[in-house]
Amino acid sequence: MNWNRLTLGVLLLGGIVFLPGCKNHEEQTRAEAPQLPTIAVTVGQVREEVARTRIEVVGTLEAVERASISARISGQIIELPVVLGSKVQKGDLLVKISAGEISAKVLQAEAQLSQVRRNLARERKLQKQGASTQETVKSLLDTSRIAEAAYKEAQTMLDYATVTAPFSGTVTKKIANIGDIASPGMILLQIENSDALQVIARIPEALLLKVSEGESLSIEIPAAGLTLMGDVAEVAPAADPISRTAPVKIDIASGPDLRVGQFARISLEGTGETTLMLEKSAVLSRGQMDLVFVVEKSKNVARMRLVRTGVEYNGDVEIISGLELGEQVVVSNNEKLQDGQPIDIRTHE
């Protein structure tokens, strides 16, 4: 007996019996798979819109009223009644400088003025009696005016020894101390009025023509967690030829969480571009992927599709890739949807 032929026949017979067995098992498994339930959803359409791009520039929060207090005469600082953070009112004493030499000049100018006035009065009296001439009286009158001007000059210099607050505010910088020698132009203090604030930003020259005085701009203050609107107060008429930017001042309302020196972002509107937009609720995030469920009309089922999104605006999101204009996408009740699940499309309420 040929054992090789016998073995081959048994294997072929077993294969013939086995193959129908596999097919029956596969059909049984498919029959036992549960059918996904139909879920009621609402859909939205991918539409084309002209989206305005937003450009952000950075700025710094500053007080509208701020002043660097400097000395106008030389002398030793003998009084400095304020400290860093002191609240001052307009006219309050900030710094007093010793000015003995100027005080002496004031006394000297005052004495000279008094003497000239006495001489002038005497000559006028003599003129009336015919004992003096008009020319002598006129010369003493001119001398009196010169002496009066010298006295006012000396008195003004003495007034510079006392420095007062030009407006109500807060001392934000204190450089000088009692005993220091002040000199003309030397910065002693800095005060700012935080009741009126503004953001100062440098705008690129390409966007400068799009910013006009009185325009309202969106401003974000990250440190305070605030986003507010500000009005453009000043726009520089020309850009810096080196940086190609121009300063712009934007007035904003003061608040308890706003501080001078805080960082700010100003949002400017760029050029308009056509893009695809969709309701934000249609996009689901799965890890680092964004996906939507597109309606397959022929079978009335939802098909999962990965998309790439862009900017968000007014409850909509930009679709960069993954969808085409006019496609219908599930926008509600889509959190538990599965790929290929039957859907019952409901209209928006």
Protein backbone atom coordinates (compact mmCIF):
# COMPACT_ATOMS: atom_id res chain seq x y z
CA MET A 1 0.00 0.00 0.00
CA ASN A 2 1.23 3.46 -0.84
CA TRP A 3 1.29 5.19 2.58
CA ASN A 4 2.13 8.61 1.15
CA ARG A 5 -1.03 8.69 -1.00
CA LEU A 6 -3.09 7.54 1.97
CA THR A 7 -1.73 10.30 4.22
CA LEU A 8 -2.38 13.00 1.57
CA GLY A 9 -5.95 11.83 1.15
CA VAL A 10 -6.61 12.02 4.89
CA LEU A 11 -5.17 15.57 5.07
CA LEU A 12 -7.27 16.75 2.12
CA LEU A 13 -10.40 15.23 3.64
CA GLY A 14 -9.65 16.94 6.93
CA GLY A 15 -9.16 20.28 5.17
CA ILE A 16 -12.44 19.92 3.37
CA VAL A 17 -14.19 19.25 6.65
CA PHE A 18 -12.29 22.05 8.49
CA LEU A 19 -12.95 24.91 6.05
CA PRO A 20 -16.76 24.78 6.29
CA GLY A 21 -16.30 24.62 10.06
CA CYS A 22 -14.34 27.93 10.12
CA LYS A 23 -16.91 29.64 7.94
CA ASN A 24 -19.76 28.61 10.21
CA HIS A 25 -17.84 29.86 13.26
CA GLU A 26 -17.21 33.26 11.65
CA GLU A 27 -20.87 33.68 10.74
CA GLN A 28 -21.88 32.73 14.26
CA THR A 29 -19.50 35.29 15.79
CA ARG A 30 -20.83 38.05 13.48
CA ALA A 31 -24.39 37.15 14.39
CA GLU A 32 -23.60 37.36 18.08
CA ALA A 33 -22.01 40.90 17.78
CA PRO A 34 -24.43 43.43 19.34
CA GLN A 35 -26.01 45.98 17.03
CA LEU A 36 -25.17 49.60 18.01
CA PRO A 37 -28.26 51.49 19.13
CA THR A 38 -29.55 54.46 17.19
CA ILE A 39 -28.78 57.75 18.91
CA ALA A 40 -30.57 61.06 18.41
CA VAL A 41 -28.23 63.90 17.37
CA THR A 42 -28.26 67.34 15.84
CA VAL A 43 -25.95 68.24 13.00
CA GLY A 44 -24.25 71.33 11.66
CA GLN A 45 -22.78 72.17 8.30
CA VAL A 46 -19.20 73.07 7.48
CA ARG A 47 -19.41 76.61 6.15
CA GLU A 48 -17.05 79.09 4.57
CA GLU A 49 -16.46 82.44 6.28
CA VAL A 50 -14.09 85.37 6.08
CA ALA A 51 -12.11 85.14 9.30
CA ARG A 52 -10.23 88.13 10.63
CA THR A 53 -6.77 87.24 11.81
CA ARG A 54 -5.71 88.65 15.16
CA ILE A 55 -2.25 90.03 15.83
CA GLU A 56 -0.95 90.57 19.35
CA VAL A 57 1.52 93.24 20.38
CA VAL A 58 2.92 93.70 23.87
CA GLY A 59 2.77 96.78 26.06
CA THR A 60 3.31 98.04 29.60
CA LEU A 61 0.83 99.48 32.07
CA GLU A 62 1.71 103.03 33.10
CA ALA A 63 0.06 105.93 34.90
CA VAL A 64 -1.29 108.78 32.80
CA GLU A 65 0.04 111.23 35.40
CA ARG A 66 3.61 110.50 36.40
CA ALA A 67 6.49 112.79 37.20
CA SER A 68 10.17 112.50 38.00
CA ILE A 69 10.96 115.02 40.75
CA SER A 70 14.38 116.60 40.31
CA ALA A 71 16.38 119.34 42.02
CA ARG A 72 16.73 122.77 40.43
CA ILE A 73 19.38 124.10 42.79
CA SER A 74 22.45 122.73 44.56
CA GLY A 75 22.36 122.03 48.26
CA GLN A 76 22.06 119.43 50.98
CA ILE A 77 18.72 117.65 51.46
CA ILE A 78 17.51 118.53 54.97
CA GLU A 79 13.92 117.26 54.80
CA LEU A 80 12.45 114.22 53.02
CA PRO A 81 9.12 113.40 54.71
CA VAL A 82 8.05 110.65 52.25
CA VAL A 83 9.03 107.01 51.79
CA LEU A 84 8.52 104.51 48.99
CA GLY A 85 4.76 103.96 48.63
CA SER A 86 3.72 107.15 50.43
CA LYS A 87 0.41 108.68 49.33
CA VAL A 88 0.76 112.41 48.73
CA GLN A 89 -1.67 115.18 47.88
CA LYS A 90 -1.05 118.02 45.47
CA GLY A 91 1.10 120.65 47.18
CA ASP A 92 2.51 118.35 49.90
CA LEU A 93 6.17 118.80 50.79
CA LEU A 94 8.41 116.21 49.12
CA VAL A 95 11.94 117.53 49.53
CA LYS A 96 13.56 120.53 51.24
CA ILE A 97 17.09 121.60 50.31
CA SER A 98 19.38 123.74 52.43
CA ALA A 99 19.90 127.04 50.60
CA GLY A 100 21.73 129.41 52.95
CA GLU A 101 23.56 131.16 50.13
CA ILE A 102 20.36 131.78 48.22
CA SER A 103 18.65 133.05 51.38
CA ALA A 104 21.47 135.56 51.81
CA LYS A 105 21.04 136.70 48.20
CA VAL A 106 17.33 137.21 48.83
CA LEU A 107 18.07 139.42 51.85
CA GLN A 108 20.66 141.35 49.87
CA ALA A 109 18.30 141.88 46.91
CA GLU A 110 15.51 142.90 49.27
CA ALA A 111 17.73 145.50 50.97
CA GLN A 112 18.90 146.93 47.65
CA LEU A 113 15.33 147.17 46.41
CA SER A 114 14.25 148.94 49.61
CA GLN A 115 17.12 151.45 49.30
CA VAL A 116 16.37 152.20 45.64
CA ARG A 117 12.68 152.74 46.41
CA ARG A 118 13.57 155.22 49.18
CA ASN A 119 15.86 157.12 46.84
CA LEU A 120 13.19 157.20 44.17
CA ALA A 121 10.60 158.52 46.62
CA ARG A 122 13.01 161.26 47.77
CA GLU A 123 13.85 162.40 44.24
CA ARG A 124 10.17 162.56 43.30
CA LYS A 125 9.53 164.76 46.30
CA LEU A 126 12.47 167.00 45.36
CA GLN A 127 11.22 167.18 41.78
CA LYS A 128 7.93 168.57 42.96
CA GLN A 129 9.87 171.27 44.84
CA GLY A 130 11.97 172.00 41.76
CA ALA A 131 15.13 170.66 43.36
CA SER A 132 15.53 167.59 41.07
CA THR A 133 15.25 166.82 37.37
CA GLN A 134 13.03 164.49 35.41
CA GLU A 135 16.09 162.64 34.13
CA THR A 136 17.25 161.80 37.67
CA VAL A 137 13.81 160.45 38.60
CA LYS A 138 13.67 158.36 35.43
CA SER A 139 17.12 156.88 36.11
CA LEU A 140 16.15 155.89 39.66
CA LEU A 141 12.90 154.37 38.36
CA ASP A 142 14.88 152.13 35.99
CA THR A 143 17.23 151.19 38.84
CA SER A 144 14.20 150.32 40.98
CA ARG A 145 12.84 147.99 38.33
CA ILE A 146 16.21 146.24 37.99
CA ALA A 147 16.43 145.79 41.77
CA GLU A 148 12.89 144.42 41.87
CA ALA A 149 13.69 141.89 39.15
CA ALA A 150 16.84 140.79 41.02
CA TYR A 151 14.79 140.34 44.19
CA LYS A 152 12.15 138.23 42.38
CA GLU A 153 14.89 136.09 40.82
CA ALA A 154 16.50 135.43 44.18
CA GLN A 155 13.13 134.69 45.75
CA THR A 156 12.30 132.25 42.94
CA MET A 157 15.60 130.44 43.46
CA LEU A 158 14.81 130.19 47.16
CA ASP A 159 11.40 128.69 46.33
CA TYR A 160 13.20 125.94 44.41
CA ALA A 161 14.65 124.78 47.73
CA THR A 162 11.19 123.48 48.64
CA VAL A 163 9.85 120.79 46.29
CA THR A 164 6.13 119.98 46.48
CA ALA A 165 3.92 117.36 44.78
CA PRO A 166 2.61 118.59 41.39
CA PHE A 167 -0.44 116.28 41.71
CA SER A 168 -1.92 113.68 44.06
CA GLY A 169 -0.37 110.24 43.74
CA THR A 170 1.99 107.62 45.14
CA VAL A 171 5.77 107.69 45.52
CA THR A 172 6.89 104.83 43.29
CA LYS A 173 10.62 105.52 43.28
CA LYS A 174 12.83 107.10 45.96
CA ILE A 175 16.43 107.73 45.01
CA ALA A 176 17.57 110.49 47.40
CA ASN A 177 17.98 110.42 51.18
CA ILE A 178 18.38 113.04 53.88
CA GLY A 179 21.94 114.34 53.85
CA ASP A 180 22.52 113.77 50.14
CA ILE A 181 23.81 116.69 48.09
CA ALA A 182 21.31 117.61 45.40
CA SER A 183 22.36 119.20 42.14
CA PRO A 184 20.35 120.75 39.27
CA GLY A 185 18.69 118.01 37.19
CA MET A 186 19.30 115.25 39.74
CA ILE A 187 16.28 112.89 40.03
CA LEU A 188 15.14 112.63 43.65
CA LEU A 189 11.73 110.93 43.55
CA GLN A 190 9.11 109.62 41.17
CA ILE A 191 5.38 109.87 41.81
CA GLU A 192 2.50 108.40 39.83
CA ASN A 193 -1.26 108.70 39.97
CA SER A 194 -2.70 105.19 39.56
CA ASP A 195 -6.28 106.48 39.37
CA ALA A 196 -5.80 106.94 35.63
CA LEU A 197 -3.95 104.20 33.75
CA GLN A 198 -2.87 103.59 30.18
CA VAL A 199 -1.08 100.92 28.19
CA ILE A 200 1.90 102.05 26.15
CA ALA A 201 2.77 99.77 23.25
CA ARG A 202 4.98 99.99 20.20
CA ILE A 203 2.98 99.11 17.09
CA PRO A 204 4.73 97.80 13.94
CA GLU A 205 4.56 100.31 11.11
CA ALA A 206 2.65 97.83 8.93
CA LEU A 207 -0.27 98.00 11.41
CA LEU A 208 0.03 101.66 12.37
CA LEU A 209 -2.47 102.87 9.77
CA LYS A 210 -5.07 100.48 11.17
CA VAL A 211 -4.98 102.12 14.61
CA SER A 212 -6.77 105.45 15.02
CA GLU A 213 -7.42 107.77 17.94
CA GLY A 214 -10.62 106.91 19.82
CA GLU A 215 -10.69 103.29 18.59
CA SER A 216 -11.47 100.57 21.16
CA LEU A 217 -8.98 97.71 21.46
CA SER A 218 -9.01 94.46 23.46
CA ILE A 219 -6.30 94.34 26.14
CA GLU A 220 -5.28 91.35 28.26
CA ILE A 221 -3.46 91.79 31.58
CA PRO A 222 -2.20 88.24 32.41
CA ALA A 223 -0.94 89.09 35.91
CA ALA A 224 -4.38 90.37 36.93
CA GLY A 225 -6.29 87.73 34.93
CA LEU A 226 -8.26 90.48 33.18
CA THR A 227 -9.32 91.16 29.61
CA LEU A 228 -10.79 94.62 29.06
CA MET A 229 -11.36 97.25 26.43
CA GLY A 230 -9.27 100.39 26.10
CA ASP A 231 -9.57 103.57 24.03
CA VAL A 232 -6.66 104.76 21.92
CA ALA A 233 -5.60 108.16 23.33
CA GLU A 234 -2.50 108.93 21.28
CA VAL A 235 -0.95 107.58 18.09
CA ALA A 236 2.53 108.63 17.02
CA PRO A 237 2.46 110.24 13.56
CA ALA A 238 5.71 108.57 12.46
CA ALA A 239 7.54 105.31 13.08
CA ASP A 240 11.04 104.92 14.48
CA PRO A 241 13.34 104.29 11.48
CA ILE A 242 15.44 101.83 13.52
CA SER A 243 12.78 99.65 15.20
CA ARG A 244 10.07 100.30 12.55
CA THR A 245 7.55 100.77 15.33
CA ALA A 246 5.61 103.72 16.75
CA PRO A 247 4.32 104.29 20.31
CA VAL A 248 0.59 104.16 20.94
CA LYS A 249 -1.11 105.07 24.23
CA ILE A 250 -4.37 103.35 25.21
CA ASP A 251 -6.45 104.56 28.15
CA ILE A 252 -8.01 101.88 30.39
CA ALA A 253 -10.12 101.92 33.53
CA SER A 254 -8.22 101.49 36.79
CA GLY A 255 -8.88 98.52 39.08
CA PRO A 256 -7.70 97.03 42.39
CA ASP A 257 -5.68 94.31 40.62
CA LEU A 258 -3.97 96.64 38.16
CA ARG A 259 -0.48 97.90 38.90
CA VAL A 260 1.90 100.20 37.08
CA GLY A 261 4.53 98.20 35.20
CA GLN A 262 2.33 95.15 34.52
CA PHE A 263 2.69 93.32 31.21
CA ALA A 264 -0.16 93.70 28.69
CA ARG A 265 -1.17 92.16 25.37
CA ILE A 266 -3.04 94.26 22.80
CA SER A 267 -5.10 92.47 20.16
CA LEU A 268 -5.17 94.07 16.70
CA GLU A 269 -7.23 92.98 13.73
CA GLY A 270 -5.26 91.73 10.76
CA THR A 271 -6.27 90.98 7.18
CA GLY A 272 -9.36 88.94 6.31
CA GLU A 273 -8.96 85.39 4.93
CA THR A 274 -11.50 82.81 3.76
CA THR A 275 -11.60 79.69 5.94
CA LEU A 276 -13.86 76.78 6.93
CA MET A 277 -15.75 77.18 10.21
CA LEU A 278 -17.73 74.73 12.34
CA GLU A 279 -19.51 74.80 15.67
CA LYS A 280 -16.99 74.21 18.45
CA SER A 281 -19.19 71.56 20.10
CA ALA A 282 -18.69 69.27 17.09
CA VAL A 283 -14.98 68.82 17.83
CA LEU A 284 -13.98 66.22 20.42
CA SER A 285 -10.49 65.97 21.90
CA ARG A 286 -8.97 62.54 22.39
CA GLY A 287 -5.51 63.00 23.82
CA GLN A 288 -3.61 65.09 21.32
CA MET A 289 -6.07 64.42 18.49
CA ASP A 290 -9.22 66.31 17.47
CA LEU A 291 -12.02 64.36 15.83
CA VAL A 292 -15.56 64.84 14.57
CA PHE A 293 -18.40 62.54 13.46
CA VAL A 294 -19.44 63.13 9.86
CA VAL A 295 -22.92 62.09 8.69
CA GLU A 296 -22.85 59.35 6.03
CA LYS A 297 -26.22 60.04 4.41
CA SER A 298 -26.44 56.84 2.35
CA LYS A 299 -26.47 54.70 5.50
CA ASN A 300 -27.56 57.34 8.01
CA VAL A 301 -24.62 56.56 10.28
CA ALA A 302 -21.86 58.63 11.89
CA ARG A 303 -18.29 58.19 10.69
CA MET A 304 -15.39 59.28 12.83
CA ARG A 305 -12.84 61.56 11.17
CA LEU A 306 -9.69 63.26 12.43
CA VAL A 307 -9.44 67.01 11.85
CA ARG A 308 -6.95 69.79 12.40
CA THR A 309 -8.36 72.91 14.04
CA GLY A 310 -7.28 76.53 14.17
CA VAL A 311 -8.51 79.63 15.99
CA GLU A 312 -11.75 79.79 17.98
CA TYR A 313 -14.18 82.66 17.62
CA ASN A 314 -17.71 83.24 18.98
CA GLY A 315 -18.44 79.55 19.65
CA ASP A 316 -17.03 78.40 16.31
CA VAL A 317 -13.71 76.80 15.45
CA GLU A 318 -11.64 77.02 12.30
CA ILE A 319 -11.14 73.76 10.38
CA ILE A 320 -7.74 73.70 8.73
CA SER A 321 -7.96 70.16 7.33
CA GLY A 322 -10.09 67.00 7.52
CA LEU A 323 -13.43 68.37 6.31
CA GLU A 324 -14.86 69.82 3.13
CA LEU A 325 -17.30 72.65 2.56
CA GLY A 326 -20.95 71.59 2.97
CA GLU A 327 -20.34 68.35 4.90
CA GLN A 328 -22.72 67.64 7.78
CA VAL A 329 -21.17 67.00 11.18
CA VAL A 330 -22.73 65.92 14.48
CA VAL A 331 -22.69 68.90 16.85
CA SER A 332 -24.56 67.55 19.90
CA ASN A 333 -24.89 64.26 21.79
CA ASN A 334 -21.66 63.13 20.18
CA GLU A 335 -19.60 62.31 23.29
CA LYS A 336 -20.50 58.59 23.30
CA LEU A 337 -20.81 58.10 19.56
CA GLN A 338 -18.88 55.28 17.91
CA ASP A 339 -17.71 54.95 14.36
CA GLY A 340 -20.50 53.54 12.19
CA GLN A 341 -23.24 54.02 14.81
CA PRO A 342 -26.75 54.68 13.43
CA ILE A 343 -28.09 58.18 14.12
CA ASP A 344 -31.46 59.88 14.20
CA ILE A 345 -30.96 63.45 12.98
CA ARG A 346 -32.98 66.04 14.89
CA THR A 347 -33.32 69.68 13.94
CA HIS A 348 -31.96 72.51 16.09
CA GLU A 349 -34.46 73.85 18.64
